[in-house]
Amino acid sequence: MNNPLSRHARLRLAIGAALAAGLAPAAHAASGYAADLTFEQAVQAVQQARRDGLQPAMAQPGSQLDHGAGTRDASPQLDPQTGLPYVSTPGPQPQTQSAPQFDKNGKAYKGYGAAALEILGFQVALNRFDNAFAGPDYHVTLGTIRRNLHSSWVVDRDPFEVNQLGHPYQGSVYYNIARSNGLNFWESMGYAFGGSAVWEVAGESTRPSRNDQITTSFGGTFLGEALYRMANLVMEQGYGLDPGERALAMGVISPALFVNRSMRPGRGSDLFASNNPALYWRWQAGAGTAIKTEAGPAATPARTEAAVDFLLDYGLPGKPGYEYRRPFDYFRFQLRASTLGGIETLGTRGLLFGGPYAAGSDLRGILGIYGSYDYIAPQLFRVASTAVSLGSNAQWRMSDALVLQGHASGGMGYTSTGTVRGTSDREYNYGFAPEAMVSLRLVMGNNLLLDTTAREFFNGRLSNSETGGTDRVVRADASLTWRISGNHALALRYITSRRNFDFPDVTAGHQRRDTLGLYYVYQEAKGFGVVNW
């Protein structure tokens, strides 16, 4: 019997059924049957199907649309947040999917006004808190706002952690408010930029700062997109957590997404379609001791420290069918905290524009423009940078037992450097500076991994109009990881942090700290992130 429905109508019905059941990956697969229909068009096609009277039915356990066949009971449990069933993905646990919302024209919901109001509300609350507990810089009046509107922008000298850690995180909150209202990467960056400008004029009584505008807007965007995707990844993959634990983890990673998803589920905060990227992740926890210290003008820190370290590579190249069409479809995120200085390292580096390449049957990679945010504070000095670079990630299968993964990039960033525990926490230097990064990961079978990374920041006279000196920072580490069993491993890790500088009022021009530590590692059960094709 001939099917009376057109090919696109049948496709819309399949996609609609997949979306109604919370199966974004199934909807992507369905859209693949029509080369001329993108996923965004497929979402709109669902609305057209509804207008045509083609109401999709919920996918039932064991059906072709059920990715979790054999893993659920006949009566699927419902997500108390959304009322929709949990649906399994290729990850270890079910995902939680909010029903996507659309406007009257069938377009995906975008809350431009809601995002603006939420950012303003957050700023008012933050200003009132800072005014009560942080001092007179936040005593804002109509007079200070009027003055800031007509004054020139300056380079401020707030404490380093405020400018280089606090402001980028504040920008990530603006960004995630916009993201969780349905806005895309570039639109959300615009909201982070606008939110930063409003804060500089009306959130503080001091003159607006151009260095804060850069780090809040762009550093906040690069950090914010990584946090947004990680929060969604936890909800999508589960990682053995129950629904309440997943929601709590999402709230820690992205508070804005948690609030909007809890209060207005689906209104732009529906689950982000990750497209099932290839991942490498690991946790480290252990202790290290200094084997070489040259403090320079800084106070000498304690020799030993305990630390925890998290690393995620998201969207590693080589996975068949995975595409790099959206900013940060590949990114690297790292967070390290120690008992000596709190947050020691926070950084993310993601592909903004680019695409894949291949050479023969053993090499796969991506090439393009990367955006990055780095904050590094190794007890003696600090460096932070928001940058754009040209670079590449690649994997080379050297043999059945040896696989080499790597990244290399170089570009220009707005960089700041300073001394920890010097005469003042407000003494540091700004400038546009070249920077570079190289990382290599040699995977030797399933039990041994050699991982190296080096970053270099050049804050010198040619690129720095803010000061009359030069500054050069190198941060490198190498670790050898041995898998004990399954997810559990041990790592021996060497970290070196070096700074050479030359400023008129500083006599000692060299700082260095090398540490050697032993760490327990919890990571994926096998593979060390090797991608098969």
Protein backbone atom coordinates (compact mmCIF):
# COMPACT_ATOMS: atom_id res chain seq x y z
CA MET A 1 0.00 0.00 0.00
CA ASN A 2 1.33 3.44 -0.90
CA ASN A 3 1.86 5.75 2.05
CA PRO A 4 -0.40 8.82 1.53
CA LEU A 5 2.07 11.04 3.41
CA SER A 6 4.87 12.82 1.61
CA ARG A 7 8.48 11.95 2.34
CA HIS A 8 8.99 15.17 4.30
CA ALA A 9 5.71 14.67 6.15
CA ARG A 10 6.80 11.20 7.22
CA LEU A 11 10.14 12.65 8.24
CA ARG A 12 8.44 15.37 10.26
CA LEU A 13 6.37 12.75 12.02
CA ALA A 14 9.49 10.72 12.92
CA ILE A 15 11.32 13.79 14.16
CA GLY A 16 8.28 14.95 16.08
CA ALA A 17 7.98 11.60 17.80
CA ALA A 18 11.65 11.67 18.68
CA LEU A 19 11.49 15.17 20.10
CA ALA A 20 8.31 14.48 22.01
CA ALA A 21 10.04 11.57 23.71
CA GLY A 22 13.07 13.72 24.50
CA LEU A 23 15.27 11.98 21.95
CA ALA A 24 17.33 14.78 20.42
CA PRO A 25 19.89 12.26 19.03
CA ALA A 26 17.06 10.33 17.36
CA ALA A 27 15.80 13.56 15.84
CA HIS A 28 19.28 14.21 14.48
CA ALA A 29 19.32 10.72 12.99
CA ALA A 30 15.90 11.23 11.43
CA SER A 31 16.95 14.53 9.91
CA GLY A 32 19.85 12.69 8.27
CA TYR A 33 17.39 10.95 5.94
CA ALA A 34 16.94 14.23 4.10
CA ALA A 35 20.21 15.82 3.07
CA ASP A 36 18.45 19.13 2.49
CA LEU A 37 16.92 19.30 5.97
CA THR A 38 19.15 20.51 8.82
CA PHE A 39 18.33 19.80 12.45
CA GLU A 40 17.24 23.42 12.98
CA GLN A 41 14.89 23.04 10.01
CA ALA A 42 13.76 19.71 11.43
CA VAL A 43 12.71 21.40 14.67
CA GLN A 44 10.62 23.84 12.65
CA ALA A 45 9.29 20.90 10.65
CA VAL A 46 7.87 19.46 13.87
CA GLN A 47 5.73 22.57 14.20
CA GLN A 48 4.62 22.27 10.59
CA ALA A 49 3.71 18.63 11.25
CA ARG A 50 1.53 19.72 14.13
CA ARG A 51 -0.14 22.33 11.98
CA ASP A 52 -0.72 19.57 9.38
CA GLY A 53 -2.41 17.47 12.05
CA LEU A 54 0.40 14.92 12.28
CA GLN A 55 0.52 14.61 16.05
CA PRO A 56 3.55 12.52 17.08
CA ALA A 57 3.11 9.73 19.56
CA MET A 58 5.45 9.10 22.46
CA ALA A 59 8.13 6.54 21.70
CA GLN A 60 7.55 3.36 23.65
CA PRO A 61 10.20 1.18 25.25
CA GLY A 62 11.56 -1.25 22.70
CA SER A 63 10.41 0.78 19.71
CA GLN A 64 12.80 1.94 17.00
CA LEU A 65 12.76 5.41 18.48
CA ASP A 66 13.72 4.10 21.92
CA HIS A 67 17.50 4.37 22.24
CA GLY A 68 17.28 2.69 25.62
CA ALA A 69 15.57 -0.53 24.53
CA GLY A 70 16.31 -3.26 27.00
CA THR A 71 17.45 -0.79 29.66
CA ARG A 72 14.07 0.44 30.94
CA ASP A 73 10.98 -1.04 32.50
CA ALA A 74 7.80 -1.28 30.45
CA SER A 75 6.51 1.77 32.32
CA PRO A 76 9.22 4.40 32.09
CA GLN A 77 9.83 6.63 35.10
CA LEU A 78 8.98 10.28 34.71
CA ASP A 79 11.28 13.23 35.37
CA PRO A 80 9.61 15.21 38.17
CA GLN A 81 10.96 18.46 36.67
CA THR A 82 9.50 18.01 33.21
CA GLY A 83 6.92 15.23 33.38
CA LEU A 84 8.71 13.49 30.51
CA PRO A 85 10.20 9.99 30.64
CA TYR A 86 13.90 9.46 31.15
CA VAL A 87 15.37 8.32 27.87
CA SER A 88 18.68 6.52 27.57
CA THR A 89 21.49 7.90 25.44
CA PRO A 90 24.75 6.23 24.42
CA GLY A 91 26.04 7.32 27.86
CA PRO A 92 25.75 5.23 30.99
CA GLN A 93 22.58 6.82 32.37
CA PRO A 94 19.29 8.27 31.10
CA GLN A 95 19.06 11.88 30.07
CA THR A 96 16.60 14.46 31.34
CA GLN A 97 15.01 16.36 28.46
CA SER A 98 12.76 19.38 28.74
CA ALA A 99 10.13 19.68 26.04
CA PRO A 100 11.33 22.34 23.56
CA GLN A 101 9.16 25.46 23.40
CA PHE A 102 8.29 27.35 20.22
CA ASP A 103 6.75 30.70 19.44
CA LYS A 104 3.55 31.18 17.44
CA ASN A 105 5.53 31.08 14.18
CA GLY A 106 6.99 27.67 14.94
CA LYS A 107 10.49 28.97 15.70
CA ALA A 108 12.52 27.78 18.67
CA TYR A 109 11.93 29.95 21.73
CA LYS A 110 14.42 32.74 22.40
CA GLY A 111 13.84 34.87 25.48
CA TYR A 112 15.67 38.08 24.57
CA GLY A 113 13.68 40.18 27.03
CA ALA A 114 13.74 37.55 29.76
CA ALA A 115 17.54 37.25 29.48
CA ALA A 116 17.99 41.02 29.76
CA LEU A 117 15.71 41.24 32.80
CA GLU A 118 17.43 38.32 34.52
CA ILE A 119 20.87 39.86 33.98
CA LEU A 120 19.67 43.18 35.40
CA GLY A 121 18.12 41.41 38.37
CA PHE A 122 21.35 39.52 39.02
CA GLN A 123 23.33 42.76 38.83
CA VAL A 124 21.07 44.55 41.30
CA ALA A 125 21.36 41.67 43.77
CA LEU A 126 25.15 41.47 43.32
CA ASN A 127 25.57 45.21 43.77
CA ARG A 128 23.52 45.21 46.98
CA PHE A 129 25.57 42.31 48.34
CA ASP A 130 28.89 43.94 47.40
CA ASN A 131 27.76 47.29 48.80
CA ALA A 132 27.02 45.61 52.14
CA PHE A 133 30.16 43.49 52.41
CA ALA A 134 32.83 44.65 49.93
CA GLY A 135 33.14 48.40 50.51
CA PRO A 136 32.44 51.83 49.02
CA ASP A 137 33.33 50.95 45.40
CA TYR A 138 29.79 49.59 45.07
CA HIS A 139 27.95 52.57 46.56
CA VAL A 140 26.22 53.54 43.32
CA THR A 141 24.16 56.71 42.94
CA LEU A 142 22.63 58.54 40.01
CA GLY A 143 25.58 60.89 40.26
CA THR A 144 28.16 58.10 39.82
CA ILE A 145 26.19 56.63 36.92
CA ARG A 146 26.00 60.03 35.20
CA ARG A 147 29.72 60.59 35.72
CA ASN A 148 30.64 57.13 34.39
CA LEU A 149 28.51 57.64 31.29
CA HIS A 150 30.60 60.70 30.40
CA SER A 151 34.04 59.63 31.64
CA SER A 152 36.82 57.92 29.72
CA TRP A 153 37.49 54.23 30.31
CA VAL A 154 40.56 53.36 32.38
CA VAL A 155 42.69 50.37 33.41
CA ASP A 156 41.71 49.67 37.01
CA ARG A 157 43.90 48.12 39.72
CA ASP A 158 41.45 45.97 41.64
CA PRO A 159 42.97 42.85 43.24
CA PHE A 160 44.19 40.35 40.66
CA GLU A 161 41.70 37.64 41.67
CA VAL A 162 38.81 40.10 41.31
CA ASN A 163 39.77 41.21 37.83
CA GLN A 164 41.08 37.94 36.39
CA LEU A 165 38.94 35.35 38.16
CA GLY A 166 35.88 37.12 39.50
CA HIS A 167 35.05 39.17 36.40
CA PRO A 168 35.33 36.27 33.91
CA TYR A 169 33.10 34.15 36.15
CA GLN A 170 30.63 37.03 36.43
CA GLY A 171 30.65 37.23 32.63
CA SER A 172 29.98 33.49 32.45
CA VAL A 173 26.85 34.03 34.56
CA TYR A 174 25.59 36.70 32.13
CA TYR A 175 26.39 34.34 29.26
CA ASN A 176 24.61 31.36 30.80
CA ILE A 177 21.54 33.43 31.62
CA ALA A 178 21.28 34.23 27.92
CA ARG A 179 22.14 30.66 26.87
CA SER A 180 19.48 29.19 29.14
CA ASN A 181 16.92 31.50 27.55
CA GLY A 182 17.47 29.89 24.15
CA LEU A 183 20.08 32.27 22.71
CA ASN A 184 22.98 30.91 20.66
CA PHE A 185 26.71 31.38 21.28
CA TRP A 186 27.11 34.72 19.51
CA GLU A 187 23.89 36.20 20.86
CA SER A 188 24.90 35.18 24.38
CA MET A 189 28.32 36.75 23.88
CA GLY A 190 26.52 39.98 23.00
CA TYR A 191 24.56 39.78 26.25
CA ALA A 192 27.77 39.17 28.21
CA PHE A 193 29.30 42.23 26.54
CA GLY A 194 26.22 44.35 27.22
CA GLY A 195 25.93 43.11 30.80
CA SER A 196 29.57 43.97 31.43
CA ALA A 197 29.14 47.49 30.06
CA VAL A 198 26.09 48.09 32.26
CA TRP A 199 27.99 46.84 35.31
CA GLU A 200 31.01 49.05 34.59
CA VAL A 201 28.77 52.12 34.37
CA ALA A 202 26.08 51.37 36.94
CA GLY A 203 27.30 48.44 39.05
CA GLU A 204 30.37 50.13 40.54
CA SER A 205 31.02 53.72 41.61
CA THR A 206 34.56 53.67 40.17
CA ARG A 207 35.28 54.70 36.60
CA PRO A 208 34.51 52.10 33.94
CA SER A 209 37.42 49.76 33.23
CA ARG A 210 38.38 48.57 29.77
CA ASN A 211 40.36 45.60 31.13
CA ASP A 212 37.27 44.42 33.02
CA GLN A 213 35.17 44.85 29.88
CA ILE A 214 37.49 42.52 27.93
CA THR A 215 37.82 39.80 30.56
CA THR A 216 34.15 39.84 31.58
CA SER A 217 32.80 39.80 28.03
CA PHE A 218 35.16 37.46 26.18
CA GLY A 219 36.76 35.53 29.02
CA GLY A 220 33.24 35.10 30.43
CA THR A 221 31.96 33.82 27.09
CA PHE A 222 34.73 31.25 26.63
CA LEU A 223 34.39 30.06 30.22
CA GLY A 224 30.60 30.23 30.09
CA GLU A 225 30.16 28.05 27.01
CA ALA A 226 32.35 25.32 28.53
CA LEU A 227 30.30 25.43 31.76
CA TYR A 228 27.03 25.41 29.82
CA ARG A 229 28.02 22.34 27.83
CA MET A 230 29.37 20.49 30.86
CA ALA A 231 26.17 21.12 32.81
CA ASN A 232 24.11 19.78 29.94
CA LEU A 233 26.46 16.82 29.54
CA VAL A 234 25.83 15.78 33.14
CA MET A 235 22.07 15.92 32.56
CA GLU A 236 22.36 14.07 29.25
CA GLN A 237 24.75 11.29 30.22
CA GLY A 238 23.91 10.91 33.90
CA TYR A 239 27.21 9.33 34.95
CA GLY A 240 25.48 7.12 37.50
CA LEU A 241 23.77 10.00 39.32
CA ASP A 242 20.09 9.98 40.22
CA PRO A 243 17.91 12.89 38.97
CA GLY A 244 18.38 14.95 42.14
CA GLU A 245 22.15 14.51 42.09
CA ARG A 246 22.31 15.44 38.41
CA ALA A 247 20.29 18.59 39.06
CA LEU A 248 22.61 19.49 41.94
CA ALA A 249 25.68 18.95 39.75
CA MET A 250 24.13 21.10 37.02
CA GLY A 251 23.47 23.84 39.60
CA VAL A 252 27.08 23.82 40.73
CA ILE A 253 28.41 24.00 37.17
CA SER A 254 25.87 26.50 35.79
CA PRO A 255 23.60 28.14 38.40
CA ALA A 256 21.79 30.17 35.74
CA LEU A 257 20.85 27.07 33.75
CA PHE A 258 19.69 25.32 36.93
CA VAL A 259 17.45 28.25 37.92
CA ASN A 260 15.87 28.68 34.50
CA ARG A 261 15.43 24.95 33.99
CA SER A 262 13.80 24.59 37.42
CA MET A 263 11.53 27.64 37.22
CA ARG A 264 10.70 27.66 33.51
CA PRO A 265 11.52 24.22 32.05
CA GLY A 266 11.75 24.20 28.28
CA ARG A 267 11.66 27.97 27.88
CA GLY A 268 15.02 27.97 26.16
CA SER A 269 16.60 25.75 28.83
CA ASP A 270 15.80 22.41 27.17
CA LEU A 271 18.67 19.94 26.98
CA PHE A 272 21.46 21.02 24.64
CA ALA A 273 22.06 18.49 21.85
CA SER A 274 25.68 17.48 22.37
CA ASN A 275 25.70 15.15 19.32
CA ASN A 276 27.55 12.60 21.48
CA PRO A 277 31.12 13.99 21.28
CA ALA A 278 34.24 11.91 21.87
CA LEU A 279 35.46 12.70 25.39
CA TYR A 280 38.52 12.34 27.55
CA TRP A 281 38.13 13.22 31.23
CA ARG A 282 39.99 12.55 34.42
CA TRP A 283 40.14 13.59 38.07
CA GLN A 284 43.41 13.76 39.99
CA ALA A 285 43.84 14.11 43.75
CA GLY A 286 47.17 13.93 45.55
CA ALA A 287 50.10 15.86 46.95
CA GLY A 288 53.32 17.33 45.65
CA THR A 289 56.48 18.86 47.01
CA ALA A 290 58.66 21.66 45.65
CA ILE A 291 61.98 20.41 44.28
CA LYS A 292 63.14 23.88 43.16
CA THR A 293 61.98 27.33 44.25
CA GLU A 294 63.25 30.78 43.28
CA ALA A 295 60.79 33.18 44.91
CA GLY A 296 62.17 36.48 43.60
CA PRO A 297 60.14 39.39 45.04
CA ALA A 298 57.40 37.04 46.32
CA ALA A 299 57.22 35.47 49.74
CA THR A 300 58.47 31.88 49.75
CA PRO A 301 55.51 29.46 49.97
CA ALA A 302 55.37 26.15 51.83
CA ARG A 303 57.15 23.24 50.15
CA THR A 304 54.28 20.73 50.13
CA GLU A 305 50.74 21.06 48.89
CA ALA A 306 47.70 18.89 48.28
CA ALA A 307 45.72 19.44 45.11
CA VAL A 308 42.75 18.25 43.06
CA ASP A 309 42.68 18.60 39.30
CA PHE A 310 39.94 18.06 36.70
CA LEU A 311 40.50 17.89 32.93
CA LEU A 312 37.98 17.45 30.12
CA ASP A 313 38.57 17.22 26.37
CA TYR A 314 35.18 17.51 24.62
CA GLY A 315 34.73 16.72 20.92
CA LEU A 316 38.07 15.05 20.18
CA PRO A 317 38.65 14.72 16.42
CA GLY A 318 38.11 11.53 14.46
CA LYS A 319 34.69 10.36 15.59
CA PRO A 320 32.64 9.37 12.51
CA GLY A 321 29.64 11.60 11.97
CA TYR A 322 30.60 14.25 14.53
CA GLU A 323 30.70 17.73 13.03
CA TYR A 324 32.22 21.05 14.09
CA ARG A 325 29.53 23.50 13.05
CA ARG A 326 29.01 25.33 16.34
CA PRO A 327 31.50 27.25 18.46
CA PHE A 328 33.05 24.99 21.11
CA ASP A 329 32.05 21.73 19.46
CA TYR A 330 35.60 21.04 20.57
CA PHE A 331 36.92 22.47 23.82
CA ARG A 332 39.37 21.69 26.61
CA PHE A 333 38.57 22.64 30.22
CA GLN A 334 40.86 22.40 33.24
CA LEU A 335 40.45 23.31 36.91
CA ARG A 336 43.11 22.81 39.58
CA ALA A 337 42.86 23.82 43.24
CA SER A 338 45.53 23.48 45.93
CA THR A 339 45.78 23.89 49.68
CA LEU A 340 48.28 26.74 49.24
CA GLY A 341 46.41 29.11 46.96
CA GLY A 342 42.86 27.93 46.34
CA ILE A 343 42.17 27.98 42.61
CA GLU A 344 45.57 27.61 40.98
CA THR A 345 44.50 26.93 37.39
CA LEU A 346 41.27 27.63 35.54
CA GLY A 347 41.14 27.60 31.78
CA THR A 348 39.25 26.69 28.67
CA ARG A 349 40.17 26.64 24.98
CA GLY A 350 37.52 26.02 22.32
CA LEU A 351 37.21 25.91 18.55
CA LEU A 352 35.33 28.99 17.32
CA PHE A 353 35.62 28.46 13.56
CA GLY A 354 37.12 25.48 11.81
CA GLY A 355 36.67 21.99 10.54
CA PRO A 356 38.12 18.50 10.30
CA TYR A 357 40.92 17.15 8.13
CA ALA A 358 42.44 13.73 7.49
CA ALA A 359 45.66 12.25 6.14
CA GLY A 360 45.61 8.62 5.12
CA SER A 361 43.87 6.12 7.35
CA ASP A 362 45.72 6.89 10.59
CA LEU A 363 45.48 10.68 11.10
CA ARG A 364 42.42 12.78 11.93
CA GLY A 365 42.34 16.37 13.13
CA ILE A 366 40.63 19.73 13.29
CA LEU A 367 42.06 23.10 12.28
CA GLY A 368 40.74 26.57 12.99
CA ILE A 369 40.45 29.60 15.24
CA TYR A 370 40.33 28.97 18.99
CA GLY A 371 39.12 31.22 21.80
CA SER A 372 40.71 30.77 25.21
CA TYR A 373 40.66 31.97 28.79
CA ASP A 374 43.51 31.10 31.19
CA TYR A 375 44.11 31.86 34.85
CA ILE A 376 47.31 30.43 36.39
CA ALA A 377 48.57 31.25 39.89
CA PRO A 378 51.43 28.93 40.97
CA GLN A 379 52.09 30.45 44.46
CA LEU A 380 54.84 32.86 43.28
CA PHE A 381 53.24 34.80 40.44
CA ARG A 382 50.02 35.00 38.45
CA VAL A 383 49.16 35.21 34.79
CA ALA A 384 45.78 35.50 33.10
CA SER A 385 44.85 35.84 29.45
CA THR A 386 41.85 36.06 27.16
CA ALA A 387 43.02 35.20 23.66
CA VAL A 388 42.24 34.19 20.10
CA SER A 389 44.62 31.74 18.40
CA LEU A 390 45.12 29.72 15.24
CA GLY A 391 45.60 26.05 16.05
CA SER A 392 44.88 22.39 15.54
CA ASN A 393 44.01 19.19 17.39
CA ALA A 394 44.92 15.81 15.94
CA GLN A 395 45.16 12.09 16.63
CA TRP A 396 47.73 9.86 14.92
CA ARG A 397 47.43 6.11 15.25
CA MET A 398 51.09 5.12 15.12
CA SER A 399 50.40 1.41 15.65
CA ASP A 400 47.81 -0.82 17.28
CA ALA A 401 49.39 -0.13 20.67
CA LEU A 402 50.57 3.49 20.26
CA VAL A 403 48.34 6.52 19.68
CA LEU A 404 49.51 10.15 19.77
CA GLN A 405 47.04 12.97 20.42
CA GLY A 406 48.06 16.60 20.40
CA HIS A 407 47.21 20.27 20.22
CA ALA A 408 49.22 23.27 19.04
CA SER A 409 48.11 26.89 18.82
CA GLY A 410 49.48 30.40 18.79
CA GLY A 411 47.81 33.78 18.88
CA MET A 412 47.29 37.09 20.66
CA GLY A 413 45.67 37.72 24.03
CA TYR A 414 44.93 40.45 26.51
CA THR A 415 47.30 39.34 29.26
CA SER A 416 48.06 40.35 32.83
CA THR A 417 50.92 39.23 35.07
CA GLY A 418 51.82 39.95 38.69
CA THR A 419 53.59 38.74 41.83
CA VAL A 420 51.83 36.71 44.52
CA ARG A 421 52.28 38.03 48.07
CA GLY A 422 54.28 41.01 46.86
CA THR A 423 54.04 44.49 48.34
CA SER A 424 50.47 44.78 47.02
CA ASP A 425 47.91 42.54 45.33
CA ARG A 426 47.15 45.46 43.00
CA GLU A 427 50.60 45.54 41.38
CA TYR A 428 50.45 43.76 38.04
CA ASN A 429 50.87 44.52 34.35
CA TYR A 430 48.51 44.54 31.40
CA GLY A 431 49.07 44.31 27.68
CA PHE A 432 48.19 42.61 24.42
CA ALA A 433 50.65 39.77 24.21
CA PRO A 434 51.48 36.76 22.00
CA GLU A 435 50.95 33.34 23.52
CA ALA A 436 51.33 29.70 22.51
CA MET A 437 50.28 26.27 23.72
CA VAL A 438 51.45 22.73 22.87
CA SER A 439 50.14 19.50 24.37
CA LEU A 440 50.96 15.87 23.55
CA ARG A 441 49.31 12.75 24.89
CA LEU A 442 50.99 9.41 24.09
CA VAL A 443 48.67 6.47 24.77
CA MET A 444 50.50 3.17 25.21
CA GLY A 445 47.85 0.47 25.12
CA ASN A 446 45.16 0.58 27.76
CA ASN A 447 47.38 0.89 30.84
CA LEU A 448 49.97 3.62 30.29
CA LEU A 449 49.70 7.30 29.35
CA LEU A 450 52.35 10.02 28.99
CA ASP A 451 50.73 13.48 29.01
CA THR A 452 52.61 16.77 28.51
CA THR A 453 51.42 20.38 28.18
CA ALA A 454 53.28 23.69 27.85
CA ARG A 455 51.95 27.26 27.71
CA GLU A 456 53.94 30.41 27.16
CA PHE A 457 52.85 34.04 27.53
CA PHE A 458 54.93 36.93 26.19
CA ASN A 459 53.98 40.22 27.84
CA GLY A 460 56.63 42.54 26.40
CA ARG A 461 57.35 46.04 25.20
CA LEU A 462 56.30 45.46 21.61
CA SER A 463 52.83 44.32 22.63
CA ASN A 464 52.35 46.12 25.94
CA SER A 465 51.48 49.78 26.01
CA GLU A 466 50.47 49.73 29.68
CA THR A 467 53.93 49.38 31.26
CA GLY A 468 57.56 49.91 30.36
CA GLY A 469 58.77 46.42 31.19
CA THR A 470 58.79 42.92 29.76
CA ASP A 471 57.31 39.73 31.12
CA ARG A 472 57.55 36.13 29.95
CA VAL A 473 55.78 33.22 31.66
CA VAL A 474 56.10 29.48 30.99
CA ARG A 475 53.87 26.86 32.58
CA ALA A 476 54.52 23.21 31.72
CA ASP A 477 53.72 19.83 33.18
CA ALA A 478 54.34 16.17 32.39
CA SER A 479 52.61 13.17 33.94
CA LEU A 480 52.94 9.42 33.61
CA THR A 481 49.69 7.60 34.38
CA TRP A 482 49.46 3.87 35.07
CA ARG A 483 46.04 2.25 35.13
CA ILE A 484 45.61 -0.04 38.12
CA SER A 485 42.17 -1.36 37.23
CA GLY A 486 39.13 0.01 35.41
CA ASN A 487 38.61 3.66 36.35
CA HIS A 488 41.47 3.74 38.87
CA ALA A 489 45.04 4.82 38.16
CA LEU A 490 48.12 6.43 39.67
CA ALA A 491 50.06 9.34 38.18
CA LEU A 492 53.50 10.78 38.78
CA ARG A 493 53.34 14.47 37.80
CA TYR A 494 55.99 17.16 37.35
CA ILE A 495 54.93 20.83 37.10
CA THR A 496 57.21 23.78 36.37
CA SER A 497 56.19 27.45 36.50
CA ARG A 498 58.75 30.05 35.38
CA ARG A 499 58.70 33.81 34.97
CA ASN A 500 61.35 36.19 33.61
CA PHE A 501 60.62 39.90 33.82
CA ASP A 502 62.31 43.27 33.63
CA PHE A 503 60.69 46.31 35.20
CA PRO A 504 62.40 49.54 36.28
CA ASP A 505 61.42 49.32 39.96
CA VAL A 506 62.04 45.58 40.49
CA THR A 507 65.53 44.19 41.01
CA ALA A 508 64.89 40.41 41.01
CA GLY A 509 63.80 39.40 37.51
CA HIS A 510 63.31 35.67 37.81
CA GLN A 511 60.83 33.37 39.57
CA ARG A 512 60.52 29.60 39.38
CA ARG A 513 58.74 26.78 41.16
CA ASP A 514 59.03 23.09 40.22
CA THR A 515 56.98 20.43 42.00
CA LEU A 516 56.83 16.64 41.84
CA GLY A 517 53.74 14.83 43.08
CA LEU A 518 51.92 11.53 43.27
CA TYR A 519 48.22 11.50 42.42
CA TYR A 520 45.32 9.12 42.49
CA VAL A 521 43.47 9.29 39.17
CA TYR A 522 39.83 8.52 38.45
CA GLN A 523 39.09 8.44 34.73
CA GLU A 524 37.18 6.63 32.02
CA ALA A 525 37.45 2.85 32.30
CA LYS A 526 39.51 2.36 29.16
CA GLY A 527 41.01 4.09 26.18
CA PHE A 528 42.51 7.30 27.63
CA GLY A 529 40.33 9.21 25.16
CA VAL A 530 41.50 7.38 22.03
CA VAL A 531 39.00 7.89 19.20
CA ASN A 532 38.30 4.99 16.83
CA TRP A 533 37.24 5.43 13.21
